[in-house]
Amino acid sequence: MLLSVLPAAPAWLATYQHHELLLGRGLGILGAWALLNLVVSGYQLPRTDRREWPHHFHFMNCAWAFVNAVLAAVGILRTHPGRPPLGFSLADARADVQLTSQIFLFNAGLDIGYVLVALWLLNRATYPSAQRPERLDGYGRSVQLQGAFLLVFDVAMWWLLGR
């Protein structure tokens, strides 16, 4: 009976709420990736020899995981899957959706840069003159893994949220 008295929400609001729900779920996937990296590499890090590439791989994975966890947590806290703030309008929703889309597209460009840096690190590790090639190799493998995951993640989020 009470529901018939409440005014119906505008159609754009339902679309925006769906956008925010997708954004929150996507950031939840990023948080789960971060947690997986922290658990696996955090466990492996003290069990590896500093003179071998796996140690540097796990160290870099832990660093990436920390950053990804912070970004996921902040992003999730900033979403509005329920009712948006008072005074939130269609123009605000459009601007928010466009900004979010641009952020994921920009991040995808950064991710391509990460993969290229990883390839450079891996190549540099093969040079006879390279100092600490095991570190370059471990860092390169980690940046390659993280960059590839983030590229897929950012492109998928850009595509999903832009539809």
Protein backbone atom coordinates (compact mmCIF):
# COMPACT_ATOMS: atom_id res chain seq x y z
CA MET A 1 0.00 0.00 0.00
CA LEU A 2 2.84 2.40 0.90
CA LEU A 3 4.62 1.68 -2.38
CA SER A 4 1.72 3.05 -4.42
CA VAL A 5 2.08 6.42 -2.63
CA LEU A 6 5.80 6.82 -3.40
CA PRO A 7 6.63 8.52 -6.70
CA ALA A 8 8.31 6.40 -9.34
CA ALA A 9 11.99 7.09 -9.86
CA PRO A 10 12.94 8.51 -13.25
CA ALA A 11 14.24 5.97 -15.77
CA TRP A 12 17.69 7.58 -15.86
CA LEU A 13 18.07 6.96 -12.13
CA ALA A 14 17.58 3.21 -12.56
CA THR A 15 20.14 3.20 -15.36
CA TYR A 16 22.60 5.15 -13.22
CA GLN A 17 22.07 2.81 -10.27
CA HIS A 18 22.76 -0.15 -12.56
CA HIS A 19 25.97 1.59 -13.71
CA GLU A 20 27.05 2.08 -10.10
CA LEU A 21 26.24 -1.53 -9.24
CA LEU A 22 28.38 -2.76 -12.16
CA LEU A 23 31.17 -0.40 -11.12
CA GLY A 24 31.08 -1.70 -7.54
CA ARG A 25 31.15 -5.32 -8.70
CA GLY A 26 34.04 -4.61 -11.05
CA LEU A 27 36.00 -2.93 -8.30
CA GLY A 28 35.21 -5.95 -6.15
CA ILE A 29 36.96 -8.10 -8.77
CA LEU A 30 39.96 -5.76 -8.62
CA GLY A 31 39.94 -6.10 -4.82
CA ALA A 32 39.77 -9.90 -5.09
CA TRP A 33 42.74 -9.85 -7.51
CA ALA A 34 44.66 -7.71 -5.02
CA LEU A 35 43.81 -10.07 -2.16
CA LEU A 36 44.83 -13.10 -4.22
CA ASN A 37 48.18 -11.46 -5.00
CA LEU A 38 48.72 -10.51 -1.35
CA VAL A 39 47.95 -14.02 -0.13
CA VAL A 40 49.94 -15.96 -2.75
CA SER A 41 52.92 -13.65 -3.14
CA GLY A 42 52.88 -12.65 0.54
CA TYR A 43 53.17 -16.33 1.41
CA GLN A 44 55.86 -17.03 -1.20
CA LEU A 45 58.02 -13.94 -0.65
CA PRO A 46 59.76 -15.02 2.58
CA ARG A 47 60.22 -18.52 1.16
CA THR A 48 62.26 -17.41 -1.87
CA ASP A 49 65.94 -16.65 -2.25
CA ARG A 50 66.77 -12.97 -2.82
CA ARG A 51 69.31 -14.02 -5.43
CA GLU A 52 66.61 -15.57 -7.65
CA TRP A 53 63.93 -13.93 -9.82
CA PRO A 54 60.90 -15.42 -7.93
CA HIS A 55 61.74 -13.31 -4.87
CA HIS A 56 61.57 -10.09 -6.87
CA PHE A 57 58.46 -11.30 -8.69
CA HIS A 58 56.60 -11.86 -5.43
CA PHE A 59 57.88 -8.62 -3.92
CA MET A 60 56.58 -6.61 -6.88
CA ASN A 61 53.26 -8.50 -6.83
CA CYS A 62 52.81 -7.50 -3.18
CA ALA A 63 53.48 -3.85 -4.04
CA TRP A 64 50.98 -3.93 -6.92
CA ALA A 65 48.43 -5.70 -4.71
CA PHE A 66 48.64 -3.01 -2.05
CA VAL A 67 48.01 -0.25 -4.61
CA ASN A 68 45.18 -2.20 -6.27
CA ALA A 69 43.55 -2.90 -2.91
CA VAL A 70 43.58 0.79 -1.98
CA LEU A 71 42.16 1.79 -5.38
CA ALA A 72 39.43 -0.85 -5.17
CA ALA A 73 38.45 0.12 -1.61
CA VAL A 74 38.32 3.86 -2.36
CA GLY A 75 36.38 3.22 -5.57
CA ILE A 76 33.84 0.98 -3.85
CA LEU A 77 33.31 3.54 -1.08
CA ARG A 78 32.66 6.26 -3.68
CA THR A 79 29.96 4.37 -5.60
CA HIS A 80 26.28 5.11 -5.08
CA PRO A 81 24.45 1.86 -5.90
CA GLY A 82 21.40 2.92 -3.86
CA ARG A 83 19.97 6.38 -3.84
CA PRO A 84 22.47 8.99 -5.07
CA PRO A 85 23.18 12.09 -2.95
CA LEU A 86 20.45 14.68 -2.52
CA GLY A 87 20.23 17.05 -5.47
CA PHE A 88 21.85 14.57 -7.87
CA SER A 89 20.52 15.24 -11.38
CA LEU A 90 20.54 13.67 -14.82
CA ALA A 91 23.39 16.00 -15.82
CA ASP A 92 25.39 14.86 -12.77
CA ALA A 93 24.76 11.22 -13.68
CA ARG A 94 25.86 11.74 -17.28
CA ALA A 95 29.02 13.56 -16.18
CA ASP A 96 29.83 10.82 -13.65
CA VAL A 97 29.31 8.02 -16.19
CA GLN A 98 31.44 9.84 -18.79
CA LEU A 99 34.24 10.52 -16.28
CA THR A 100 34.27 6.90 -15.13
CA SER A 101 34.45 5.70 -18.72
CA GLN A 102 37.32 8.07 -19.51
CA ILE A 103 39.22 6.94 -16.40
CA PHE A 104 39.04 3.27 -17.44
CA LEU A 105 40.07 4.12 -21.01
CA PHE A 106 43.01 6.22 -19.76
CA ASN A 107 44.02 3.39 -17.42
CA ALA A 108 43.96 0.95 -20.36
CA GLY A 109 46.51 3.20 -22.07
CA LEU A 110 48.65 3.13 -18.94
CA ASP A 111 48.34 -0.66 -18.85
CA ILE A 112 49.77 -0.89 -22.36
CA GLY A 113 52.68 1.18 -21.06
CA TYR A 114 53.13 -1.24 -18.16
CA VAL A 115 53.30 -4.21 -20.54
CA LEU A 116 55.87 -2.38 -22.70
CA VAL A 117 57.96 -1.54 -19.62
CA ALA A 118 57.75 -5.21 -18.60
CA LEU A 119 59.04 -6.29 -21.98
CA TRP A 120 61.89 -3.80 -21.68
CA LEU A 121 62.78 -5.10 -18.20
CA LEU A 122 62.73 -8.70 -19.41
CA ASN A 123 64.88 -7.82 -22.40
CA ARG A 124 67.28 -5.79 -20.23
CA ALA A 125 67.68 -8.78 -17.88
CA THR A 126 69.27 -10.74 -20.74
CA TYR A 127 72.07 -8.21 -21.29
CA PRO A 128 75.47 -9.49 -20.13
CA SER A 129 76.16 -6.04 -18.64
CA ALA A 130 72.89 -5.96 -16.65
CA GLN A 131 73.34 -5.47 -12.93
CA ARG A 132 71.12 -7.79 -10.89
CA PRO A 133 69.43 -9.49 -13.85
CA GLU A 134 67.37 -11.64 -11.46
CA ARG A 135 65.73 -8.47 -10.12
CA LEU A 136 65.01 -7.16 -13.62
CA ASP A 137 63.58 -10.55 -14.60
CA GLY A 138 61.37 -10.85 -11.51
CA TYR A 139 60.11 -7.27 -11.76
CA GLY A 140 59.53 -7.68 -15.49
CA ARG A 141 57.47 -10.85 -15.02
CA SER A 142 55.39 -9.21 -12.29
CA VAL A 143 54.76 -6.02 -14.24
CA GLN A 144 53.86 -8.13 -17.28
CA LEU A 145 51.32 -10.14 -15.26
CA GLN A 146 49.84 -7.13 -13.49
CA GLY A 147 49.76 -5.00 -16.63
CA ALA A 148 48.05 -7.74 -18.64
CA PHE A 149 45.42 -8.31 -15.95
CA LEU A 150 44.78 -4.59 -15.58
CA LEU A 151 44.54 -4.12 -19.35
CA VAL A 152 41.84 -6.81 -19.60
CA PHE A 153 40.11 -5.43 -16.49
CA ASP A 154 40.13 -1.79 -17.62
CA VAL A 155 39.00 -2.54 -21.17
CA ALA A 156 36.21 -4.80 -19.86
CA MET A 157 35.06 -2.15 -17.38
CA TRP A 158 35.21 0.57 -20.04
CA TRP A 159 33.14 -1.59 -22.37
CA LEU A 160 30.61 -2.70 -19.74
CA LEU A 161 30.09 0.73 -18.24
CA GLY A 162 29.97 2.49 -21.61
CA ARG A 163 27.10 0.42 -22.97
